[in-house]
């Protein structure tokens, strides 16, 4: 999985480096560095919704320091570590 975080002017002003640092810490915390790459990128096209983040070929999403943990849990962990199916005995 490749995560691109915009570091263009608007995103930089809204904290893109904080988002990158938080994502890197989360990747280390969950020991998934071999499955997730984080890259700085220039304009992803949604400057008004900065900080712009894109996973692989997905849609660009707006992420902030306050929402980065939820973004990671909902968009990264669910793909890298999908919930296991619960089986019930009959």
PDB file of N, CA and C in Angstrom:
ATOM      1  N   UNK A   1       0.853  -1.166   0.000  1.00  0.00           N
ATOM      2  CA  UNK A   1       0.000   0.000   0.000  1.00  0.00           C
ATOM      3  C   UNK A   1       0.899   1.229   0.000  1.00  0.00           C
ATOM      4  N   UNK A   2       0.553   2.180  -0.857  1.00  0.00           N
ATOM      5  CA  UNK A   2       1.314   3.413  -0.960  1.00  0.00           C
ATOM      6  C   UNK A   2       0.411   4.584  -0.572  1.00  0.00           C
ATOM      7  N   UNK A   3       0.826   5.341   0.450  1.00  0.00           N
ATOM      8  CA  UNK A   3       0.077   6.505   0.902  1.00  0.00           C
ATOM      9  C   UNK A   3       0.856   7.748   0.483  1.00  0.00           C
ATOM     10  N   UNK A   4       0.184   8.623  -0.259  1.00  0.00           N
ATOM     11  CA  UNK A   4       0.810   9.875  -0.676  1.00  0.00           C
ATOM     12  C   UNK A   4       0.165  11.024   0.089  1.00  0.00           C
ATOM     13  N   UNK A   5       1.003  11.871   0.671  1.00  0.00           N
ATOM     14  CA  UNK A   5       0.539  13.024   1.428  1.00  0.00           C
ATOM     15  C   UNK A   5       1.051  14.273   0.726  1.00  0.00           C
ATOM     16  N   UNK A   6       0.140  15.163   0.381  1.00  0.00           N
ATOM     17  CA  UNK A   6       0.512  16.394  -0.314  1.00  0.00           C
ATOM     18  C   UNK A   6       1.326  17.292   0.606  1.00  0.00           C
ATOM     19  N   UNK A   7       2.412  17.857   0.060  1.00  0.00           N
ATOM     20  CA  UNK A   7       3.214  18.824   0.790  1.00  0.00           C
ATOM     21  C   UNK A   7       3.252  20.157   0.042  1.00  0.00           C
ATOM     22  N   UNK A   8       2.284  20.355  -0.850  1.00  0.00           N
ATOM     23  CA  UNK A   8       2.171  21.627  -1.561  1.00  0.00           C
ATOM     24  C   UNK A   8       1.842  22.744  -0.582  1.00  0.00           C
ATOM     25  N   UNK A   9       1.810  23.969  -1.072  1.00  0.00           N
ATOM     26  CA  UNK A   9       1.651  25.152  -0.217  1.00  0.00           C
ATOM     27  C   UNK A   9       0.466  25.080   0.732  1.00  0.00           C
ATOM     28  N   UNK A  10      -0.732  24.838   0.216  1.00  0.00           N
ATOM     29  CA  UNK A  10      -1.931  24.821   1.062  1.00  0.00           C
ATOM     30  C   UNK A  10      -1.862  23.709   2.097  1.00  0.00           C
ATOM     31  N   UNK A  11      -1.429  22.537   1.678  1.00  0.00           N
ATOM     32  CA  UNK A  11      -1.341  21.404   2.599  1.00  0.00           C
ATOM     33  C   UNK A  11      -0.233  21.617   3.622  1.00  0.00           C
ATOM     34  N   UNK A  12       0.876  22.201   3.171  1.00  0.00           N
ATOM     35  CA  UNK A  12       1.969  22.497   4.095  1.00  0.00           C
ATOM     36  C   UNK A  12       1.483  23.427   5.205  1.00  0.00           C
ATOM     37  N   UNK A  13       0.753  24.464   4.820  1.00  0.00           N
ATOM     38  CA  UNK A  13       0.250  25.425   5.805  1.00  0.00           C
ATOM     39  C   UNK A  13      -0.752  24.796   6.769  1.00  0.00           C
ATOM     40  N   UNK A  14      -1.439  23.750   6.330  1.00  0.00           N
ATOM     41  CA  UNK A  14      -2.438  23.096   7.183  1.00  0.00           C
ATOM     42  C   UNK A  14      -1.889  21.878   7.926  1.00  0.00           C
ATOM     43  N   UNK A  15      -0.571  21.663   7.855  1.00  0.00           N
ATOM     44  CA  UNK A  15       0.048  20.636   8.687  1.00  0.00           C
ATOM     45  C   UNK A  15       0.406  19.326   8.034  1.00  0.00           C
ATOM     46  N   UNK A  16       0.754  19.335   6.759  1.00  0.00           N
ATOM     47  CA  UNK A  16       1.060  18.074   6.074  1.00  0.00           C
ATOM     48  C   UNK A  16       2.219  17.318   6.725  1.00  0.00           C
ATOM     49  N   UNK A  17       3.215  18.020   7.224  1.00  0.00           N
ATOM     50  CA  UNK A  17       4.343  17.321   7.843  1.00  0.00           C
ATOM     51  C   UNK A  17       3.927  16.649   9.140  1.00  0.00           C
ATOM     52  N   UNK A  18       2.994  17.244   9.867  1.00  0.00           N
ATOM     53  CA  UNK A  18       2.467  16.599  11.075  1.00  0.00           C
ATOM     54  C   UNK A  18       1.704  15.325  10.699  1.00  0.00           C
ATOM     55  N   UNK A  19       0.942  15.383   9.615  1.00  0.00           N
ATOM     56  CA  UNK A  19       0.199  14.208   9.147  1.00  0.00           C
ATOM     57  C   UNK A  19       1.184  13.106   8.741  1.00  0.00           C
ATOM     58  N   UNK A  20       2.229  13.463   8.005  1.00  0.00           N
ATOM     59  CA  UNK A  20       3.233  12.473   7.594  1.00  0.00           C
ATOM     60  C   UNK A  20       3.880  11.834   8.820  1.00  0.00           C
ATOM     61  N   UNK A  21       4.293  12.662   9.778  1.00  0.00           N
ATOM     62  CA  UNK A  21       4.927  12.131  10.988  1.00  0.00           C
ATOM     63  C   UNK A  21       3.985  11.214  11.760  1.00  0.00           C
ATOM     64  N   UNK A  22       2.728  11.597  11.877  1.00  0.00           N
ATOM     65  CA  UNK A  22       1.752  10.767  12.580  1.00  0.00           C
ATOM     66  C   UNK A  22       1.552   9.438  11.872  1.00  0.00           C
ATOM     67  N   UNK A  23       1.432   9.464  10.541  1.00  0.00           N
ATOM     68  CA  UNK A  23       1.272   8.224   9.778  1.00  0.00           C
ATOM     69  C   UNK A  23       2.494   7.320   9.953  1.00  0.00           C
ATOM     70  N   UNK A  24       3.686   7.905   9.921  1.00  0.00           N
ATOM     71  CA  UNK A  24       4.901   7.110  10.105  1.00  0.00           C
ATOM     72  C   UNK A  24       4.921   6.463  11.489  1.00  0.00           C
ATOM     73  N   UNK A  25       4.510   7.209  12.502  1.00  0.00           N
ATOM     74  CA  UNK A  25       4.469   6.657  13.855  1.00  0.00           C
ATOM     75  C   UNK A  25       3.460   5.516  13.952  1.00  0.00           C
ATOM     76  N   UNK A  26       2.311   5.683  13.304  1.00  0.00           N
ATOM     77  CA  UNK A  26       1.291   4.631  13.344  1.00  0.00           C
ATOM     78  C   UNK A  26       1.761   3.375  12.621  1.00  0.00           C
ATOM     79  N   UNK A  27       2.433   3.540  11.503  1.00  0.00           N
ATOM     80  CA  UNK A  27       2.980   2.396  10.767  1.00  0.00           C
ATOM     81  C   UNK A  27       3.968   1.639  11.650  1.00  0.00           C
ATOM     82  N   UNK A  28       4.812   2.370  12.362  1.00  0.00           N
ATOM     83  CA  UNK A  28       5.767   1.726  13.267  1.00  0.00           C
ATOM     84  C   UNK A  28       5.053   1.075  14.450  1.00  0.00           C
ATOM     85  N   UNK A  29       4.067   1.760  15.003  1.00  0.00           N
ATOM     86  CA  UNK A  29       3.324   1.245  16.156  1.00  0.00           C
ATOM     87  C   UNK A  29       2.657  -0.089  15.846  1.00  0.00           C
ATOM     88  N   UNK A  30       2.135  -0.221  14.630  1.00  0.00           N
ATOM     89  CA  UNK A  30       1.428  -1.446  14.229  1.00  0.00           C
ATOM     90  C   UNK A  30       2.338  -2.432  13.482  1.00  0.00           C
ATOM     91  N   UNK A  31       3.622  -2.113  13.370  1.00  0.00           N
ATOM     92  CA  UNK A  31       4.608  -3.013  12.752  1.00  0.00           C
ATOM     93  C   UNK A  31       4.198  -3.441  11.341  1.00  0.00           C
ATOM     94  N   UNK A  32       3.836  -2.451  10.516  1.00  0.00           N
ATOM     95  CA  UNK A  32       3.401  -2.769   9.149  1.00  0.00           C
ATOM     96  C   UNK A  32       4.247  -2.034   8.104  1.00  0.00           C
ATOM     97  N   UNK A  33       5.475  -1.693   8.469  1.00  0.00           N
ATOM     98  CA  UNK A  33       6.355  -0.962   7.556  1.00  0.00           C
ATOM     99  C   UNK A  33       6.643  -1.740   6.276  1.00  0.00           C
ATOM    100  N   UNK A  34       6.577  -3.067   6.337  1.00  0.00           N
ATOM    101  CA  UNK A  34       6.816  -3.864   5.139  1.00  0.00           C
ATOM    102  C   UNK A  34       5.614  -3.876   4.201  1.00  0.00           C
ATOM    103  N   UNK A  35       4.477  -3.366   4.662  1.00  0.00           N
ATOM    104  CA  UNK A  35       3.261  -3.364   3.849  1.00  0.00           C
ATOM    105  C   UNK A  35       2.781  -1.964   3.455  1.00  0.00           C
ATOM    106  N   UNK A  36       3.280  -0.932   4.122  1.00  0.00           N
ATOM    107  CA  UNK A  36       2.793   0.428   3.896  1.00  0.00           C
ATOM    108  C   UNK A  36       3.972   1.363   3.647  1.00  0.00           C
ATOM    109  N   UNK A  37       3.896   2.108   2.554  1.00  0.00           N
ATOM    110  CA  UNK A  37       4.891   3.123   2.221  1.00  0.00           C
ATOM    111  C   UNK A  37       4.226   4.482   2.315  1.00  0.00           C
ATOM    112  N   UNK A  38       4.920   5.456   2.905  1.00  0.00           N
ATOM    113  CA  UNK A  38       4.397   6.809   2.995  1.00  0.00           C
ATOM    114  C   UNK A  38       5.322   7.717   2.201  1.00  0.00           C
ATOM    115  N   UNK A  39       4.730   8.492   1.291  1.00  0.00           N
ATOM    116  CA  UNK A  39       5.504   9.364   0.418  1.00  0.00           C
ATOM    117  C   UNK A  39       4.952  10.778   0.456  1.00  0.00           C
ATOM    118  N   UNK A  40       5.852  11.749   0.435  1.00  0.00           N
ATOM    119  CA  UNK A  40       5.454  13.135   0.258  1.00  0.00           C
ATOM    120  C   UNK A  40       5.195  13.338  -1.230  1.00  0.00           C
ATOM    121  N   UNK A  41       4.187  14.116  -1.543  1.00  0.00           N
ATOM    122  CA  UNK A  41       3.796  14.326  -2.933  1.00  0.00           C
ATOM    123  C   UNK A  41       3.400  15.785  -3.116  1.00  0.00           C
ATOM    124  N   UNK A  42       3.559  16.283  -4.321  1.00  0.00           N
ATOM    125  CA  UNK A  42       3.056  17.623  -4.576  1.00  0.00           C
ATOM    126  C   UNK A  42       1.608  17.523  -4.994  1.00  0.00           C
ATOM    127  N   UNK A  43       0.982  18.598  -5.214  1.00  0.00           N
ATOM    128  CA  UNK A  43      -0.461  18.771  -5.369  1.00  0.00           C
ATOM    129  C   UNK A  43      -1.224  17.525  -5.830  1.00  0.00           C
ATOM    130  N   UNK A  44      -2.202  17.156  -5.015  1.00  0.00           N
ATOM    131  CA  UNK A  44      -3.090  16.040  -5.346  1.00  0.00           C
ATOM    132  C   UNK A  44      -4.439  16.551  -5.868  1.00  0.00           C
ATOM    133  N   UNK A  45      -4.565  17.868  -5.987  1.00  0.00           N
ATOM    134  CA  UNK A  45      -5.724  18.429  -6.662  1.00  0.00           C
ATOM    135  C   UNK A  45      -6.868  18.929  -5.797  1.00  0.00           C
ATOM    136  N   UNK A  46      -6.805  18.768  -4.502  1.00  0.00           N
ATOM    137  CA  UNK A  46      -7.891  19.246  -3.642  1.00  0.00           C
ATOM    138  C   UNK A  46      -7.349  20.209  -2.587  1.00  0.00           C
ATOM    139  N   UNK A  47      -6.724  21.269  -3.058  1.00  0.00           N
ATOM    140  CA  UNK A  47      -6.050  22.217  -2.164  1.00  0.00           C
ATOM    141  C   UNK A  47      -6.987  22.819  -1.126  1.00  0.00           C
ATOM    142  N   UNK A  48      -8.223  23.032  -1.483  1.00  0.00           N
ATOM    143  CA  UNK A  48      -9.159  23.652  -0.545  1.00  0.00           C
ATOM    144  C   UNK A  48      -9.547  22.707   0.589  1.00  0.00           C
ATOM    145  N   UNK A  49      -9.251  21.425   0.440  1.00  0.00           N
ATOM    146  CA  UNK A  49      -9.592  20.436   1.463  1.00  0.00           C
ATOM    147  C   UNK A  49      -8.351  19.877   2.146  1.00  0.00           C
ATOM    148  N   UNK A  50      -7.279  20.626   2.112  1.00  0.00           N
ATOM    149  CA  UNK A  50      -5.999  20.166   2.647  1.00  0.00           C
ATOM    150  C   UNK A  50      -6.127  19.710   4.095  1.00  0.00           C
ATOM    151  N   UNK A  51      -5.343  18.787   4.510  1.00  0.00           N
ATOM    152  CA  UNK A  51      -4.208  18.097   3.925  1.00  0.00           C
ATOM    153  C   UNK A  51      -4.732  16.940   3.075  1.00  0.00           C
ATOM    154  N   UNK A  52      -4.317  16.927   1.818  1.00  0.00           N
ATOM    155  CA  UNK A  52      -4.775  15.907   0.887  1.00  0.00           C
ATOM    156  C   UNK A  52      -3.930  14.645   1.002  1.00  0.00           C
ATOM    157  N   UNK A  53      -4.620  13.506   1.094  1.00  0.00           N
ATOM    158  CA  UNK A  53      -3.954  12.206   1.226  1.00  0.00           C
ATOM    159  C   UNK A  53      -4.615  11.239   0.253  1.00  0.00           C
ATOM    160  N   UNK A  54      -3.797  10.426  -0.393  1.00  0.00           N
ATOM    161  CA  UNK A  54      -4.318   9.454  -1.359  1.00  0.00           C
ATOM    162  C   UNK A  54      -3.661   8.102  -1.106  1.00  0.00           C
ATOM    163  N   UNK A  55      -4.481   7.057  -1.078  1.00  0.00           N
ATOM    164  CA  UNK A  55      -3.971   5.697  -0.928  1.00  0.00           C
ATOM    165  C   UNK A  55      -4.069   4.997  -2.279  1.00  0.00           C
ATOM    166  N   UNK A  56      -2.917   4.510  -2.745  1.00  0.00           N
ATOM    167  CA  UNK A  56      -2.837   3.839  -4.044  1.00  0.00           C
ATOM    168  C   UNK A  56      -3.557   4.667  -5.103  1.00  0.00           C
ATOM    169  N   UNK A  57      -4.542   4.094  -5.797  1.00  0.00           N
ATOM    170  CA  UNK A  57      -5.278   4.819  -6.834  1.00  0.00           C
ATOM    171  C   UNK A  57      -6.645   5.283  -6.352  1.00  0.00           C
ATOM    172  N   UNK A  58      -6.833   5.338  -5.037  1.00  0.00           N
ATOM    173  CA  UNK A  58      -8.122   5.730  -4.470  1.00  0.00           C
ATOM    174  C   UNK A  58      -8.376   7.217  -4.554  1.00  0.00           C
ATOM    175  N   UNK A  59      -9.477   7.630  -3.972  1.00  0.00           N
ATOM    176  CA  UNK A  59      -9.856   9.031  -3.945  1.00  0.00           C
ATOM    177  C   UNK A  59      -8.962   9.808  -2.994  1.00  0.00           C
ATOM    178  N   UNK A  60      -8.806  11.091  -3.277  1.00  0.00           N
ATOM    179  CA  UNK A  60      -8.071  11.983  -2.393  1.00  0.00           C
ATOM    180  C   UNK A  60      -8.979  12.312  -1.216  1.00  0.00           C
ATOM    181  N   UNK A  61      -8.415  12.234  -0.016  1.00  0.00           N
ATOM    182  CA  UNK A  61      -9.180  12.509   1.198  1.00  0.00           C
ATOM    183  C   UNK A  61      -8.501  13.617   1.990  1.00  0.00           C
ATOM    184  N   UNK A  62      -9.282  14.323   2.760  1.00  0.00           N
ATOM    185  CA  UNK A  62      -8.765  15.370   3.626  1.00  0.00           C
ATOM    186  C   UNK A  62      -8.462  14.781   4.994  1.00  0.00           C
ATOM    187  N   UNK A  63      -7.233  15.015   5.482  1.00  0.00           N
ATOM    188  CA  UNK A  63      -6.807  14.484   6.767  1.00  0.00           C
ATOM    189  C   UNK A  63      -6.136  15.614   7.544  1.00  0.00           C
ATOM    190  N   UNK A  64      -6.346  15.634   8.842  1.00  0.00           N
ATOM    191  CA  UNK A  64      -5.691  16.620   9.699  1.00  0.00           C
ATOM    192  C   UNK A  64      -5.016  15.885  10.851  1.00  0.00           C
ATOM    193  N   UNK A  65      -4.297  16.626  11.648  1.00  0.00           N
ATOM    194  CA  UNK A  65      -3.683  16.026  12.821  1.00  0.00           C
ATOM    195  C   UNK A  65      -4.716  15.410  13.747  1.00  0.00           C
ATOM    196  N   UNK A  66      -5.898  16.017  13.788  1.00  0.00           N
ATOM    197  CA  UNK A  66      -6.967  15.528  14.661  1.00  0.00           C
ATOM    198  C   UNK A  66      -7.656  14.287  14.111  1.00  0.00           C
ATOM    199  N   UNK A  67      -7.602  14.079  12.792  1.00  0.00           N
ATOM    200  CA  UNK A  67      -8.324  12.954  12.182  1.00  0.00           C
ATOM    201  C   UNK A  67      -7.414  11.847  11.667  1.00  0.00           C
ATOM    202  N   UNK A  68      -6.100  12.030  11.776  1.00  0.00           N
ATOM    203  CA  UNK A  68      -5.176  11.080  11.163  1.00  0.00           C
ATOM    204  C   UNK A  68      -5.304   9.678  11.755  1.00  0.00           C
ATOM    205  N   UNK A  69      -5.527   9.561  13.045  1.00  0.00           N
ATOM    206  CA  UNK A  69      -5.640   8.227  13.662  1.00  0.00           C
ATOM    207  C   UNK A  69      -6.890   7.508  13.146  1.00  0.00           C
ATOM    208  N   UNK A  70      -8.014   8.203  13.032  1.00  0.00           N
ATOM    209  CA  UNK A  70      -9.235   7.594  12.485  1.00  0.00           C
ATOM    210  C   UNK A  70      -9.046   7.230  11.017  1.00  0.00           C
ATOM    211  N   UNK A  71      -8.417   8.124  10.259  1.00  0.00           N
ATOM    212  CA  UNK A  71      -8.121   7.843   8.853  1.00  0.00           C
ATOM    213  C   UNK A  71      -7.305   6.560   8.735  1.00  0.00           C
ATOM    214  N   UNK A  72      -6.289   6.434   9.559  1.00  0.00           N
ATOM    215  CA  UNK A  72      -5.410   5.262   9.537  1.00  0.00           C
ATOM    216  C   UNK A  72      -6.186   3.988   9.886  1.00  0.00           C
ATOM    217  N   UNK A  73      -6.974   4.064  10.936  1.00  0.00           N
ATOM    218  CA  UNK A  73      -7.744   2.892  11.372  1.00  0.00           C
ATOM    219  C   UNK A  73      -8.748   2.456  10.314  1.00  0.00           C
ATOM    220  N   UNK A  74      -9.423   3.412   9.692  1.00  0.00           N
ATOM    221  CA  UNK A  74     -10.490   3.093   8.739  1.00  0.00           C
ATOM    222  C   UNK A  74     -10.009   2.785   7.327  1.00  0.00           C
ATOM    223  N   UNK A  75      -8.850   3.316   6.946  1.00  0.00           N
ATOM    224  CA  UNK A  75      -8.414   3.181   5.556  1.00  0.00           C
ATOM    225  C   UNK A  75      -7.145   2.378   5.359  1.00  0.00           C
ATOM    226  N   UNK A  76      -6.378   2.217   6.418  1.00  0.00           N
ATOM    227  CA  UNK A  76      -5.120   1.474   6.299  1.00  0.00           C
ATOM    228  C   UNK A  76      -5.228   0.136   7.018  1.00  0.00           C
ATOM    229  N   UNK A  77      -5.518   0.171   8.292  1.00  0.00           N
ATOM    230  CA  UNK A  77      -5.581  -1.082   9.059  1.00  0.00           C
ATOM    231  C   UNK A  77      -6.643  -2.031   8.537  1.00  0.00           C
ATOM    232  N   UNK A  78      -7.773  -1.517   8.083  1.00  0.00           N
ATOM    233  CA  UNK A  78      -8.833  -2.399   7.579  1.00  0.00           C
ATOM    234  C   UNK A  78      -8.419  -3.122   6.307  1.00  0.00           C
ATOM    235  N   UNK A  79      -7.437  -2.573   5.594  1.00  0.00           N
ATOM    236  CA  UNK A  79      -6.944  -3.227   4.382  1.00  0.00           C
ATOM    237  C   UNK A  79      -5.761  -4.140   4.710  1.00  0.00           C
ATOM    238  N   UNK A  80      -4.833  -3.640   5.499  1.00  0.00           N
ATOM    239  CA  UNK A  80      -3.630  -4.399   5.833  1.00  0.00           C
ATOM    240  C   UNK A  80      -3.940  -5.540   6.789  1.00  0.00           C
ATOM    241  N   UNK A  81      -4.826  -5.261   7.744  1.00  0.00           N
ATOM    242  CA  UNK A  81      -5.233  -6.270   8.731  1.00  0.00           C
ATOM    243  C   UNK A  81      -6.756  -6.345   8.790  1.00  0.00           C
ATOM    244  N   UNK A  82      -7.370  -6.944   7.781  1.00  0.00           N
ATOM    245  CA  UNK A  82      -8.836  -7.006   7.774  1.00  0.00           C
ATOM    246  C   UNK A  82      -9.354  -7.799   8.969  1.00  0.00           C
ATOM    247  N   UNK A  83     -10.525  -7.399   9.473  1.00  0.00           N
ATOM    248  CA  UNK A  83     -11.094  -8.144  10.597  1.00  0.00           C
ATOM    249  C   UNK A  83     -11.360  -9.592  10.191  1.00  0.00           C
ATOM    250  N   UNK A  84     -11.085 -10.496  11.098  1.00  0.00           N
ATOM    251  CA  UNK A  84     -11.321 -11.915  10.777  1.00  0.00           C
ATOM    252  C   UNK A  84     -12.804 -12.217  10.898  1.00  0.00           C
ATOM    253  N   UNK A  85     -13.231 -13.188  10.159  1.00  0.00           N
ATOM    254  CA  UNK A  85     -14.634 -13.602  10.195  1.00  0.00           C
ATOM    255  C   UNK A  85     -14.862 -14.414  11.453  1.00  0.00           C
ATOM    256  N   UNK A  86     -15.940 -14.139  12.103  1.00  0.00           N
ATOM    257  CA  UNK A  86     -16.296 -14.895  13.306  1.00  0.00           C
ATOM    258  C   UNK A  86     -17.111 -16.119  12.860  1.00  0.00           C
ATOM    259  N   UNK A  87     -16.666 -17.244  13.312  1.00  0.00           N
ATOM    260  CA  UNK A  87     -17.387 -18.481  12.996  1.00  0.00           C
ATOM    261  C   UNK A  87     -18.088 -18.975  14.258  1.00  0.00           C
ATOM    262  N   UNK A  88     -19.287 -19.379  14.107  1.00  0.00           N
ATOM    263  CA  UNK A  88     -20.006 -19.904  15.269  1.00  0.00           C
ATOM    264  C   UNK A  88     -20.241 -21.382  15.074  1.00  0.00           C
ATOM    265  N   UNK A  89     -20.090 -22.119  16.135  1.00  0.00           N
ATOM    266  CA  UNK A  89     -20.325 -23.576  16.079  1.00  0.00           C
ATOM    267  C   UNK A  89     -21.806 -23.844  16.215  1.00  0.00           C
ATOM    268  N   UNK A  90     -22.260 -24.839  15.506  1.00  0.00           N
ATOM    269  CA  UNK A  90     -23.675 -25.214  15.579  1.00  0.00           C
ATOM    270  C   UNK A  90     -23.815 -26.552  16.214  1.00  0.00           C
TER     271      UNK A  90
END
